[in-house]
Amino acid sequence: MNGLHILGTGRALPANIVTNDDLALRVETNDAWIVSRTGIRERRFATGETLTQLAVEAARAALERAGVSPQELGLCLTATVSPDCATPSPACLIHQKLHLPEDCPAFDLSAGCTGFLYAMETAAAMLPRMARPCALLVGGELLSRITDMDDRSTCILFGDGAGAAVVKSTEGAPWHALLGTRGNREALWAAGPGNHPAYLHMNGQEVFQFALKTVPELARSLLDKAGMDRDQIDWYVLHQANHRILEGVAKRMKVPLERFYENIGRYGNTSAATIPIALDEMAEQELLRPGQWIMCLGFGAGLTWGGAMFRW
């Protein structure tokens, strides 16, 4: 059976840093309140950058680190809920900018904050049938364009950015993944085309409880599927939504918090981009070493959830 091997990662972030103190100039909040409840100290908001620009920058970095040329790609997937335009899709725009082969299909996935993991499992299923065994996976968001900056409950949480990975379908590579959905429009949503602007809305407590219950159960199911124990996982890479969620999941799983990578303090919640950005930072810091077991876990609007477990 074919699994995925990550050959290289990349990330791109807007230049504009927005601190908690900056937001306090607009809404009634303060740095201590935000940090205590979310762990977020700052985030990036795009000023002139487009999602396509950030996605292409992240993709080029991933290709360079992977040592793979655009002509070697057999699939291009983008996970996002905040495209630059309704059509063509961000994946098609990336395809154009990178001059990918015409027999390299490109399309988007919309699975909220779980989107990058949906893309990984989609690539694992599709690549054995593609013309070439490598895929470009991008998770990117410009959530600032759909965030109400006068809504204190959401404007403090979200940020912009893109992360990418080049993966290869490899015979016998360890690969275990699970995806799930619980259709729920009231927990986290953005209004439809008839409602402008289509701002994000969230029932924070409902999403919090959903994550604390679902993510540990998902992790246990992945471990059972692989016949492994939680202590055999070197790194847990969760969707970066809230420090208290990471803390709560680690406690329920009885795993030291130090084995959960965290960067939410610098970027906030970038939805589908959080996991690939985290993986790229970890690779850059040489935290990831060949042979290590990595478990990525995501959850978000939909409600969706997903996990992937693989060796670096």
C-alpha atoms as a PDB file:
ATOM      1  CA  MET A   1       0.000   0.000   0.000  1.00  0.00           C
ATOM      2  CA  ASN A   2       1.247   3.491  -0.836  1.00  0.00           C
ATOM      3  CA  GLY A   3       1.748   6.125   1.816  1.00  0.00           C
ATOM      4  CA  LEU A   4       3.002   9.677   1.694  1.00  0.00           C
ATOM      5  CA  HIS A   5       6.506  10.913   2.319  1.00  0.00           C
ATOM      6  CA  ILE A   6       7.001  14.665   2.839  1.00  0.00           C
ATOM      7  CA  LEU A   7       9.919  15.816   0.691  1.00  0.00           C
ATOM      8  CA  GLY A   8       9.890  19.514   1.566  1.00  0.00           C
ATOM      9  CA  THR A   9       7.867  22.280   3.197  1.00  0.00           C
ATOM     10  CA  GLY A  10       7.499  26.038   2.843  1.00  0.00           C
ATOM     11  CA  ARG A  11       5.577  28.959   4.318  1.00  0.00           C
ATOM     12  CA  ALA A  12       4.753  32.568   3.524  1.00  0.00           C
ATOM     13  CA  LEU A  13       3.311  35.230   5.797  1.00  0.00           C
ATOM     14  CA  PRO A  14       2.228  38.831   5.259  1.00  0.00           C
ATOM     15  CA  ALA A  15       4.712  41.469   6.371  1.00  0.00           C
ATOM     16  CA  ASN A  16       2.151  43.343   8.493  1.00  0.00           C
ATOM     17  CA  ILE A  17       2.235  42.286  12.165  1.00  0.00           C
ATOM     18  CA  VAL A  18      -0.844  43.145  14.249  1.00  0.00           C
ATOM     19  CA  THR A  19      -0.343  42.929  18.010  1.00  0.00           C
ATOM     20  CA  ASN A  20      -2.975  42.608  20.704  1.00  0.00           C
ATOM     21  CA  ASP A  21      -2.272  46.216  21.642  1.00  0.00           C
ATOM     22  CA  ASP A  22      -3.056  47.218  18.052  1.00  0.00           C
ATOM     23  CA  LEU A  23      -6.451  45.527  18.275  1.00  0.00           C
ATOM     24  CA  ALA A  24      -7.112  47.170  21.641  1.00  0.00           C
ATOM     25  CA  LEU A  25      -7.142  50.502  19.821  1.00  0.00           C
ATOM     26  CA  ARG A  26     -10.246  49.361  17.932  1.00  0.00           C
ATOM     27  CA  VAL A  27     -12.193  47.025  20.238  1.00  0.00           C
ATOM     28  CA  GLU A  28     -12.545  46.745  23.992  1.00  0.00           C
ATOM     29  CA  THR A  29      -9.802  44.266  24.867  1.00  0.00           C
ATOM     30  CA  ASN A  30      -6.214  44.116  26.087  1.00  0.00           C
ATOM     31  CA  ASP A  31      -3.108  42.002  25.672  1.00  0.00           C
ATOM     32  CA  ALA A  32      -3.408  40.183  29.013  1.00  0.00           C
ATOM     33  CA  TRP A  33      -7.046  39.213  28.343  1.00  0.00           C
ATOM     34  CA  ILE A  34      -6.286  37.818  24.870  1.00  0.00           C
ATOM     35  CA  VAL A  35      -3.156  35.931  25.927  1.00  0.00           C
ATOM     36  CA  SER A  36      -4.849  34.351  28.953  1.00  0.00           C
ATOM     37  CA  ARG A  37      -7.756  33.054  26.887  1.00  0.00           C
ATOM     38  CA  THR A  38      -6.094  32.141  23.611  1.00  0.00           C
ATOM     39  CA  GLY A  39      -2.300  32.246  23.873  1.00  0.00           C
ATOM     40  CA  ILE A  40      -2.204  34.666  20.924  1.00  0.00           C
ATOM     41  CA  ARG A  41       0.121  37.688  21.143  1.00  0.00           C
ATOM     42  CA  GLU A  42       0.158  38.776  17.504  1.00  0.00           C
ATOM     43  CA  ARG A  43      -0.978  37.749  14.051  1.00  0.00           C
ATOM     44  CA  ARG A  44      -0.348  38.789  10.419  1.00  0.00           C
ATOM     45  CA  PHE A  45      -2.891  40.679   8.341  1.00  0.00           C
ATOM     46  CA  ALA A  46      -2.315  41.068   4.615  1.00  0.00           C
ATOM     47  CA  THR A  47      -2.220  44.640   3.354  1.00  0.00           C
ATOM     48  CA  GLY A  48      -1.091  44.272  -0.253  1.00  0.00           C
ATOM     49  CA  GLU A  49      -0.537  40.517  -0.511  1.00  0.00           C
ATOM     50  CA  THR A  50      -3.078  38.225  -2.152  1.00  0.00           C
ATOM     51  CA  LEU A  51      -3.726  34.620  -1.210  1.00  0.00           C
ATOM     52  CA  THR A  52      -2.291  33.544  -4.561  1.00  0.00           C
ATOM     53  CA  GLN A  53       0.950  35.433  -3.916  1.00  0.00           C
ATOM     54  CA  LEU A  54       1.404  33.875  -0.468  1.00  0.00           C
ATOM     55  CA  ALA A  55       0.485  30.399  -1.736  1.00  0.00           C
ATOM     56  CA  VAL A  56       2.942  30.595  -4.640  1.00  0.00           C
ATOM     57  CA  GLU A  57       5.725  31.843  -2.344  1.00  0.00           C
ATOM     58  CA  ALA A  58       5.133  28.971   0.079  1.00  0.00           C
ATOM     59  CA  ALA A  59       4.915  26.492  -2.804  1.00  0.00           C
ATOM     60  CA  ARG A  60       8.195  27.648  -4.342  1.00  0.00           C
ATOM     61  CA  ALA A  61       9.960  27.298  -0.992  1.00  0.00           C
ATOM     62  CA  ALA A  62       8.572  23.764  -0.578  1.00  0.00           C
ATOM     63  CA  LEU A  63       9.643  22.755  -4.094  1.00  0.00           C
ATOM     64  CA  GLU A  64      13.145  24.126  -3.537  1.00  0.00           C
ATOM     65  CA  ARG A  65      13.578  22.310  -0.235  1.00  0.00           C
ATOM     66  CA  ALA A  66      12.202  19.124  -1.760  1.00  0.00           C
ATOM     67  CA  GLY A  67      14.524  19.337  -4.755  1.00  0.00           C
ATOM     68  CA  VAL A  68      11.503  18.829  -7.013  1.00  0.00           C
ATOM     69  CA  SER A  69      10.776  20.846 -10.150  1.00  0.00           C
ATOM     70  CA  PRO A  70       7.249  21.975 -11.077  1.00  0.00           C
ATOM     71  CA  GLN A  71       7.369  19.627 -14.080  1.00  0.00           C
ATOM     72  CA  GLU A  72       7.676  16.646 -11.713  1.00  0.00           C
ATOM     73  CA  LEU A  73       4.293  17.275 -10.057  1.00  0.00           C
ATOM     74  CA  GLY A  74       1.330  15.059 -10.758  1.00  0.00           C
ATOM     75  CA  LEU A  75      -1.249  16.800  -8.547  1.00  0.00           C
ATOM     76  CA  CYS A  76      -1.858  20.261  -7.050  1.00  0.00           C
ATOM     77  CA  LEU A  77      -4.302  20.746  -4.179  1.00  0.00           C
ATOM     78  CA  THR A  78      -5.154  23.881  -2.223  1.00  0.00           C
ATOM     79  CA  ALA A  79      -7.089  23.963   1.044  1.00  0.00           C
ATOM     80  CA  THR A  80      -8.754  27.328   1.699  1.00  0.00           C
ATOM     81  CA  VAL A  81     -12.017  29.068   2.562  1.00  0.00           C
ATOM     82  CA  SER A  82     -10.817  32.538   1.541  1.00  0.00           C
ATOM     83  CA  PRO A  83      -9.883  32.474  -2.162  1.00  0.00           C
ATOM     84  CA  ASP A  84      -8.994  35.607  -4.114  1.00  0.00           C
ATOM     85  CA  CYS A  85     -11.909  34.923  -6.452  1.00  0.00           C
ATOM     86  CA  ALA A  86     -14.717  32.404  -6.786  1.00  0.00           C
ATOM     87  CA  THR A  87     -13.204  31.033  -9.971  1.00  0.00           C
ATOM     88  CA  PRO A  88     -10.651  30.138 -11.174  1.00  0.00           C
ATOM     89  CA  SER A  89      -9.665  28.329  -8.014  1.00  0.00           C
ATOM     90  CA  PRO A  90      -6.490  29.162  -6.080  1.00  0.00           C
ATOM     91  CA  ALA A  91      -5.107  25.775  -7.126  1.00  0.00           C
ATOM     92  CA  CYS A  92      -5.551  26.716 -10.788  1.00  0.00           C
ATOM     93  CA  LEU A  93      -3.896  30.094 -10.208  1.00  0.00           C
ATOM     94  CA  ILE A  94      -0.957  28.359  -8.511  1.00  0.00           C
ATOM     95  CA  HIS A  95      -0.847  25.943 -11.451  1.00  0.00           C
ATOM     96  CA  GLN A  96      -0.588  28.899 -13.826  1.00  0.00           C
ATOM     97  CA  LYS A  97       2.065  30.792 -11.830  1.00  0.00           C
ATOM     98  CA  LEU A  98       4.299  27.735 -11.446  1.00  0.00           C
ATOM     99  CA  HIS A  99       3.757  26.529 -15.037  1.00  0.00           C
ATOM    100  CA  LEU A 100       2.711  23.048 -13.944  1.00  0.00           C
ATOM    101  CA  PRO A 101       2.120  20.339 -16.570  1.00  0.00           C
ATOM    102  CA  GLU A 102      -1.331  20.329 -18.152  1.00  0.00           C
ATOM    103  CA  ASP A 103      -1.880  16.709 -17.071  1.00  0.00           C
ATOM    104  CA  CYS A 104      -1.374  17.777 -13.437  1.00  0.00           C
ATOM    105  CA  PRO A 105      -4.930  18.286 -12.114  1.00  0.00           C
ATOM    106  CA  ALA A 106      -5.427  21.198  -9.726  1.00  0.00           C
ATOM    107  CA  PHE A 107      -8.398  21.869  -7.475  1.00  0.00           C
ATOM    108  CA  ASP A 108      -9.392  23.234  -4.056  1.00  0.00           C
ATOM    109  CA  LEU A 109     -10.751  21.601  -0.937  1.00  0.00           C
ATOM    110  CA  SER A 110     -12.992  23.443   1.507  1.00  0.00           C
ATOM    111  CA  ALA A 111     -12.897  21.676   4.863  1.00  0.00           C
ATOM    112  CA  GLY A 112     -12.225  24.613   7.158  1.00  0.00           C
ATOM    113  CA  CYS A 113      -9.292  24.297   9.507  1.00  0.00           C
ATOM    114  CA  THR A 114      -8.992  20.576   8.697  1.00  0.00           C
ATOM    115  CA  GLY A 115      -8.447  21.350   5.023  1.00  0.00           C
ATOM    116  CA  PHE A 116      -4.741  20.539   4.803  1.00  0.00           C
ATOM    117  CA  LEU A 117      -5.287  17.070   6.274  1.00  0.00           C
ATOM    118  CA  TYR A 118      -8.129  16.465   3.825  1.00  0.00           C
ATOM    119  CA  ALA A 119      -5.662  17.432   1.083  1.00  0.00           C
ATOM    120  CA  MET A 120      -3.037  15.010   2.399  1.00  0.00           C
ATOM    121  CA  GLU A 121      -5.417  12.060   2.434  1.00  0.00           C
ATOM    122  CA  THR A 122      -6.807  13.030  -0.990  1.00  0.00           C
ATOM    123  CA  ALA A 123      -3.253  13.057  -2.357  1.00  0.00           C
ATOM    124  CA  ALA A 124      -2.511   9.676  -0.772  1.00  0.00           C
ATOM    125  CA  ALA A 125      -5.538   8.215  -2.562  1.00  0.00           C
ATOM    126  CA  MET A 126      -5.061   9.923  -5.933  1.00  0.00           C
ATOM    127  CA  LEU A 127      -1.314   9.959  -6.526  1.00  0.00           C
ATOM    128  CA  PRO A 128      -0.958   6.238  -7.374  1.00  0.00           C
ATOM    129  CA  ARG A 129      -3.231   6.941 -10.376  1.00  0.00           C
ATOM    130  CA  MET A 130      -1.556  10.170 -11.485  1.00  0.00           C
ATOM    131  CA  ALA A 131       1.057  10.657 -14.205  1.00  0.00           C
ATOM    132  CA  ARG A 132       3.770  11.430 -11.627  1.00  0.00           C
ATOM    133  CA  PRO A 133       4.080  10.444  -7.941  1.00  0.00           C
ATOM    134  CA  CYS A 134       4.638  13.908  -6.405  1.00  0.00           C
ATOM    135  CA  ALA A 135       2.004  16.414  -5.306  1.00  0.00           C
ATOM    136  CA  LEU A 136       2.015  20.027  -4.178  1.00  0.00           C
ATOM    137  CA  LEU A 137      -0.282  20.642  -1.208  1.00  0.00           C
ATOM    138  CA  VAL A 138      -1.030  24.184  -0.055  1.00  0.00           C
ATOM    139  CA  GLY A 139      -3.036  25.398   2.910  1.00  0.00           C
ATOM    140  CA  GLY A 140      -3.621  29.132   2.786  1.00  0.00           C
ATOM    141  CA  GLU A 141      -5.976  31.750   4.144  1.00  0.00           C
ATOM    142  CA  LEU A 142      -6.579  35.488   4.153  1.00  0.00           C
ATOM    143  CA  LEU A 143      -9.060  35.373   7.011  1.00  0.00           C
ATOM    144  CA  SER A 144      -8.651  39.081   7.686  1.00  0.00           C
ATOM    145  CA  ARG A 145     -10.796  39.739   4.599  1.00  0.00           C
ATOM    146  CA  ILE A 146     -13.746  37.867   6.150  1.00  0.00           C
ATOM    147  CA  THR A 147     -13.237  38.927   9.775  1.00  0.00           C
ATOM    148  CA  ASP A 148     -15.314  41.707  11.341  1.00  0.00           C
ATOM    149  CA  MET A 149     -12.675  43.908  12.974  1.00  0.00           C
ATOM    150  CA  ASP A 150     -15.320  45.357  15.289  1.00  0.00           C
ATOM    151  CA  ASP A 151     -16.271  41.915  16.639  1.00  0.00           C
ATOM    152  CA  ARG A 152     -14.081  41.283  19.673  1.00  0.00           C
ATOM    153  CA  SER A 153     -14.962  37.582  19.802  1.00  0.00           C
ATOM    154  CA  THR A 154     -13.422  36.837  16.388  1.00  0.00           C
ATOM    155  CA  CYS A 155     -11.012  39.603  15.383  1.00  0.00           C
ATOM    156  CA  ILE A 156      -8.528  38.578  18.083  1.00  0.00           C
ATOM    157  CA  LEU A 157      -8.340  34.987  16.846  1.00  0.00           C
ATOM    158  CA  PHE A 158      -7.634  34.884  13.139  1.00  0.00           C
ATOM    159  CA  GLY A 159      -4.657  35.651  10.929  1.00  0.00           C
ATOM    160  CA  ASP A 160      -3.364  35.300   7.385  1.00  0.00           C
ATOM    161  CA  GLY A 161      -0.708  33.012   5.929  1.00  0.00           C
ATOM    162  CA  ALA A 162       0.103  30.047   3.721  1.00  0.00           C
ATOM    163  CA  GLY A 163       1.981  26.791   4.170  1.00  0.00           C
ATOM    164  CA  ALA A 164       2.915  24.161   1.601  1.00  0.00           C
ATOM    165  CA  ALA A 165       4.341  20.694   1.336  1.00  0.00           C
ATOM    166  CA  VAL A 166       5.644  18.567  -1.522  1.00  0.00           C
ATOM    167  CA  VAL A 167       4.719  14.943  -0.923  1.00  0.00           C
ATOM    168  CA  LYS A 168       5.523  11.740  -2.753  1.00  0.00           C
ATOM    169  CA  SER A 169       3.470   8.581  -3.014  1.00  0.00           C
ATOM    170  CA  THR A 170       5.793   5.869  -1.759  1.00  0.00           C
ATOM    171  CA  GLU A 171       5.195   2.127  -1.665  1.00  0.00           C
ATOM    172  CA  GLY A 172       5.239   0.859   1.912  1.00  0.00           C
ATOM    173  CA  ALA A 173       5.608   4.298   3.532  1.00  0.00           C
ATOM    174  CA  PRO A 174       3.846   4.270   6.929  1.00  0.00           C
ATOM    175  CA  TRP A 175       0.616   6.201   6.558  1.00  0.00           C
ATOM    176  CA  HIS A 176      -2.476   6.216   8.748  1.00  0.00           C
ATOM    177  CA  ALA A 177      -5.263   8.766   8.313  1.00  0.00           C
ATOM    178  CA  LEU A 178      -8.829   9.324   9.473  1.00  0.00           C
ATOM    179  CA  LEU A 179     -11.290  12.017   8.396  1.00  0.00           C
ATOM    180  CA  GLY A 180     -14.707  12.900   9.742  1.00  0.00           C
ATOM    181  CA  THR A 181     -17.579  15.356   9.511  1.00  0.00           C
ATOM    182  CA  ARG A 182     -20.438  16.393  11.768  1.00  0.00           C
ATOM    183  CA  GLY A 183     -22.560  18.775   9.737  1.00  0.00           C
ATOM    184  CA  ASN A 184     -23.132  21.865  11.874  1.00  0.00           C
ATOM    185  CA  ARG A 185     -23.803  25.351  10.508  1.00  0.00           C
ATOM    186  CA  GLU A 186     -24.184  27.082  13.873  1.00  0.00           C
ATOM    187  CA  ALA A 187     -20.747  26.422  15.419  1.00  0.00           C
ATOM    188  CA  LEU A 188     -18.453  28.258  12.978  1.00  0.00           C
ATOM    189  CA  TRP A 189     -19.629  29.819   9.739  1.00  0.00           C
ATOM    190  CA  ALA A 190     -19.388  32.672   7.272  1.00  0.00           C
ATOM    191  CA  ALA A 191     -22.519  34.024   5.620  1.00  0.00           C
ATOM    192  CA  GLY A 192     -23.301  33.070   2.029  1.00  0.00           C
ATOM    193  CA  PRO A 193     -23.049  35.108  -1.204  1.00  0.00           C
ATOM    194  CA  GLY A 194     -26.239  37.021  -0.490  1.00  0.00           C
ATOM    195  CA  ASN A 195     -24.811  38.446   2.727  1.00  0.00           C
ATOM    196  CA  HIS A 196     -22.033  41.005   2.328  1.00  0.00           C
ATOM    197  CA  PRO A 197     -19.575  41.206   3.869  1.00  0.00           C
ATOM    198  CA  ALA A 198     -19.447  37.462   4.570  1.00  0.00           C
ATOM    199  CA  TYR A 199     -17.928  37.748   8.041  1.00  0.00           C
ATOM    200  CA  LEU A 200     -16.894  34.802  10.170  1.00  0.00           C
ATOM    201  CA  HIS A 201     -19.089  33.952  13.143  1.00  0.00           C
ATOM    202  CA  MET A 202     -18.301  31.424  15.846  1.00  0.00           C
ATOM    203  CA  ASN A 203     -19.843  29.811  18.889  1.00  0.00           C
ATOM    204  CA  GLY A 204     -16.526  29.651  20.713  1.00  0.00           C
ATOM    205  CA  GLN A 205     -17.660  27.459  23.600  1.00  0.00           C
ATOM    206  CA  GLU A 206     -19.231  24.892  21.282  1.00  0.00           C
ATOM    207  CA  VAL A 207     -16.088  24.653  19.134  1.00  0.00           C
ATOM    208  CA  PHE A 208     -13.939  24.434  22.279  1.00  0.00           C
ATOM    209  CA  GLN A 209     -15.946  21.516  23.695  1.00  0.00           C
ATOM    210  CA  PHE A 210     -16.068  19.809  20.292  1.00  0.00           C
ATOM    211  CA  ALA A 211     -12.269  19.947  20.000  1.00  0.00           C
ATOM    212  CA  LEU A 212     -11.609  18.737  23.556  1.00  0.00           C
ATOM    213  CA  LYS A 213     -13.825  15.693  23.039  1.00  0.00           C
ATOM    214  CA  THR A 214     -13.149  14.844  19.394  1.00  0.00           C
ATOM    215  CA  VAL A 215      -9.383  15.341  19.060  1.00  0.00           C
ATOM    216  CA  PRO A 216      -8.283  12.934  21.833  1.00  0.00           C
ATOM    217  CA  GLU A 217     -10.730  10.328  20.504  1.00  0.00           C
ATOM    218  CA  LEU A 218      -9.321  10.829  17.008  1.00  0.00           C
ATOM    219  CA  ALA A 219      -5.753  10.422  18.263  1.00  0.00           C
ATOM    220  CA  ARG A 220      -6.645   7.206  20.060  1.00  0.00           C
ATOM    221  CA  SER A 221      -8.349   5.849  16.937  1.00  0.00           C
ATOM    222  CA  LEU A 222      -5.250   6.592  14.836  1.00  0.00           C
ATOM    223  CA  LEU A 223      -3.000   4.892  17.379  1.00  0.00           C
ATOM    224  CA  ASP A 224      -5.299   1.846  17.477  1.00  0.00           C
ATOM    225  CA  LYS A 225      -5.319   1.718  13.677  1.00  0.00           C
ATOM    226  CA  ALA A 226      -1.515   1.687  13.644  1.00  0.00           C
ATOM    227  CA  GLY A 227      -1.190  -0.655  16.634  1.00  0.00           C
ATOM    228  CA  MET A 228       0.910   1.946  18.448  1.00  0.00           C
ATOM    229  CA  ASP A 229       1.052   3.694  21.803  1.00  0.00           C
ATOM    230  CA  ARG A 230       0.857   7.451  22.413  1.00  0.00           C
ATOM    231  CA  ASP A 231       4.413   7.488  23.761  1.00  0.00           C
ATOM    232  CA  GLN A 232       5.736   6.279  20.384  1.00  0.00           C
ATOM    233  CA  ILE A 233       4.739   9.567  18.731  1.00  0.00           C
ATOM    234  CA  ASP A 234       7.611  12.033  18.701  1.00  0.00           C
ATOM    235  CA  TRP A 235       5.567  15.113  17.801  1.00  0.00           C
ATOM    236  CA  TYR A 236       1.895  16.012  17.917  1.00  0.00           C
ATOM    237  CA  VAL A 237       1.093  18.845  15.494  1.00  0.00           C
ATOM    238  CA  LEU A 238      -2.384  20.190  16.148  1.00  0.00           C
ATOM    239  CA  HIS A 239      -4.334  22.823  14.305  1.00  0.00           C
ATOM    240  CA  GLN A 240      -3.362  26.068  16.038  1.00  0.00           C
ATOM    241  CA  ALA A 241      -6.714  27.384  17.236  1.00  0.00           C
ATOM    242  CA  ASN A 242      -6.226  28.119  20.921  1.00  0.00           C
ATOM    243  CA  HIS A 243      -3.509  27.394  23.491  1.00  0.00           C
ATOM    244  CA  ARG A 244      -6.127  26.182  25.958  1.00  0.00           C
ATOM    245  CA  ILE A 245      -7.306  23.573  23.437  1.00  0.00           C
ATOM    246  CA  LEU A 246      -3.744  22.280  22.986  1.00  0.00           C
ATOM    247  CA  GLU A 247      -3.320  22.197  26.744  1.00  0.00           C
ATOM    248  CA  GLY A 248      -6.629  20.411  27.253  1.00  0.00           C
ATOM    249  CA  VAL A 249      -5.961  17.804  24.552  1.00  0.00           C
ATOM    250  CA  ALA A 250      -2.497  17.066  25.951  1.00  0.00           C
ATOM    251  CA  LYS A 251      -3.961  16.620  29.428  1.00  0.00           C
ATOM    252  CA  ARG A 252      -6.734  14.300  28.259  1.00  0.00           C
ATOM    253  CA  MET A 253      -4.259  12.234  26.236  1.00  0.00           C
ATOM    254  CA  LYS A 254      -1.788  12.159  29.158  1.00  0.00           C
ATOM    255  CA  VAL A 255       1.004  13.374  26.878  1.00  0.00           C
ATOM    256  CA  PRO A 256       3.495  16.074  27.956  1.00  0.00           C
ATOM    257  CA  LEU A 257       2.621  19.459  26.470  1.00  0.00           C
ATOM    258  CA  GLU A 258       6.243  19.765  25.310  1.00  0.00           C
ATOM    259  CA  ARG A 259       5.519  17.202  22.574  1.00  0.00           C
ATOM    260  CA  PHE A 260       2.814  19.454  21.096  1.00  0.00           C
ATOM    261  CA  TYR A 261       4.377  22.020  18.778  1.00  0.00           C
ATOM    262  CA  GLU A 262       2.867  25.476  19.234  1.00  0.00           C
ATOM    263  CA  ASN A 263       3.223  28.733  17.319  1.00  0.00           C
ATOM    264  CA  ILE A 264      -0.232  30.252  17.811  1.00  0.00           C
ATOM    265  CA  GLY A 265       1.285  33.074  19.848  1.00  0.00           C
ATOM    266  CA  ARG A 266       2.931  34.494  16.720  1.00  0.00           C
ATOM    267  CA  TYR A 267       0.325  33.852  14.015  1.00  0.00           C
ATOM    268  CA  GLY A 268      -3.102  33.279  15.542  1.00  0.00           C
ATOM    269  CA  ASN A 269      -5.489  30.887  13.826  1.00  0.00           C
ATOM    270  CA  THR A 270      -4.684  30.732  10.093  1.00  0.00           C
ATOM    271  CA  SER A 271      -7.161  27.882   9.520  1.00  0.00           C
ATOM    272  CA  ALA A 272      -5.967  25.483   6.792  1.00  0.00           C
ATOM    273  CA  ALA A 273      -2.482  27.021   6.920  1.00  0.00           C
ATOM    274  CA  THR A 274      -1.659  26.279  10.561  1.00  0.00           C
ATOM    275  CA  ILE A 275      -0.414  22.699  10.182  1.00  0.00           C
ATOM    276  CA  PRO A 276       1.822  23.194   7.108  1.00  0.00           C
ATOM    277  CA  ILE A 277       3.246  26.415   8.619  1.00  0.00           C
ATOM    278  CA  ALA A 278       4.019  24.516  11.830  1.00  0.00           C
ATOM    279  CA  LEU A 279       5.668  21.636   9.950  1.00  0.00           C
ATOM    280  CA  ASP A 280       7.832  24.078   8.014  1.00  0.00           C
ATOM    281  CA  GLU A 281       8.943  25.862  11.165  1.00  0.00           C
ATOM    282  CA  MET A 282       9.760  22.534  12.816  1.00  0.00           C
ATOM    283  CA  ALA A 283      11.790  21.421   9.805  1.00  0.00           C
ATOM    284  CA  GLU A 284      13.635  24.741   9.722  1.00  0.00           C
ATOM    285  CA  GLN A 285      14.459  24.454  13.433  1.00  0.00           C
ATOM    286  CA  GLU A 286      15.663  20.851  12.872  1.00  0.00           C
ATOM    287  CA  LEU A 287      13.093  19.532  15.338  1.00  0.00           C
ATOM    288  CA  LEU A 288      12.023  16.928  12.789  1.00  0.00           C
ATOM    289  CA  ARG A 289      14.475  14.104  12.185  1.00  0.00           C
ATOM    290  CA  PRO A 290      14.268  11.143   9.792  1.00  0.00           C
ATOM    291  CA  GLY A 291      12.360   8.237  11.274  1.00  0.00           C
ATOM    292  CA  GLN A 292      10.354  10.267  13.784  1.00  0.00           C
ATOM    293  CA  TRP A 293       6.638   9.592  14.089  1.00  0.00           C
ATOM    294  CA  ILE A 294       4.454  12.646  13.523  1.00  0.00           C
ATOM    295  CA  MET A 295       0.731  12.896  14.256  1.00  0.00           C
ATOM    296  CA  CYS A 296      -1.147  15.855  12.747  1.00  0.00           C
ATOM    297  CA  LEU A 297      -4.631  16.580  14.083  1.00  0.00           C
ATOM    298  CA  GLY A 298      -7.115  19.126  12.758  1.00  0.00           C
ATOM    299  CA  PHE A 299     -10.629  20.327  13.542  1.00  0.00           C
ATOM    300  CA  GLY A 300     -12.779  23.174  12.336  1.00  0.00           C
ATOM    301  CA  ALA A 301     -15.779  24.543  10.513  1.00  0.00           C
ATOM    302  CA  GLY A 302     -18.084  21.993   9.025  1.00  0.00           C
ATOM    303  CA  LEU A 303     -17.698  20.655  11.632  1.00  0.00           C
ATOM    304  CA  THR A 304     -14.792  18.630  10.295  1.00  0.00           C
ATOM    305  CA  TRP A 305     -11.928  16.781  11.855  1.00  0.00           C
ATOM    306  CA  GLY A 306      -9.033  14.726  10.617  1.00  0.00           C
ATOM    307  CA  GLY A 307      -5.730  13.180  11.520  1.00  0.00           C
ATOM    308  CA  ALA A 308      -2.700  11.804   9.748  1.00  0.00           C
ATOM    309  CA  MET A 309       0.143   9.800  11.242  1.00  0.00           C
ATOM    310  CA  PHE A 310       3.379   9.221   9.326  1.00  0.00           C
ATOM    311  CA  ARG A 311       7.146   8.986   9.628  1.00  0.00           C
ATOM    312  CA  TRP A 312       9.307  11.965   8.792  1.00  0.00           C
END
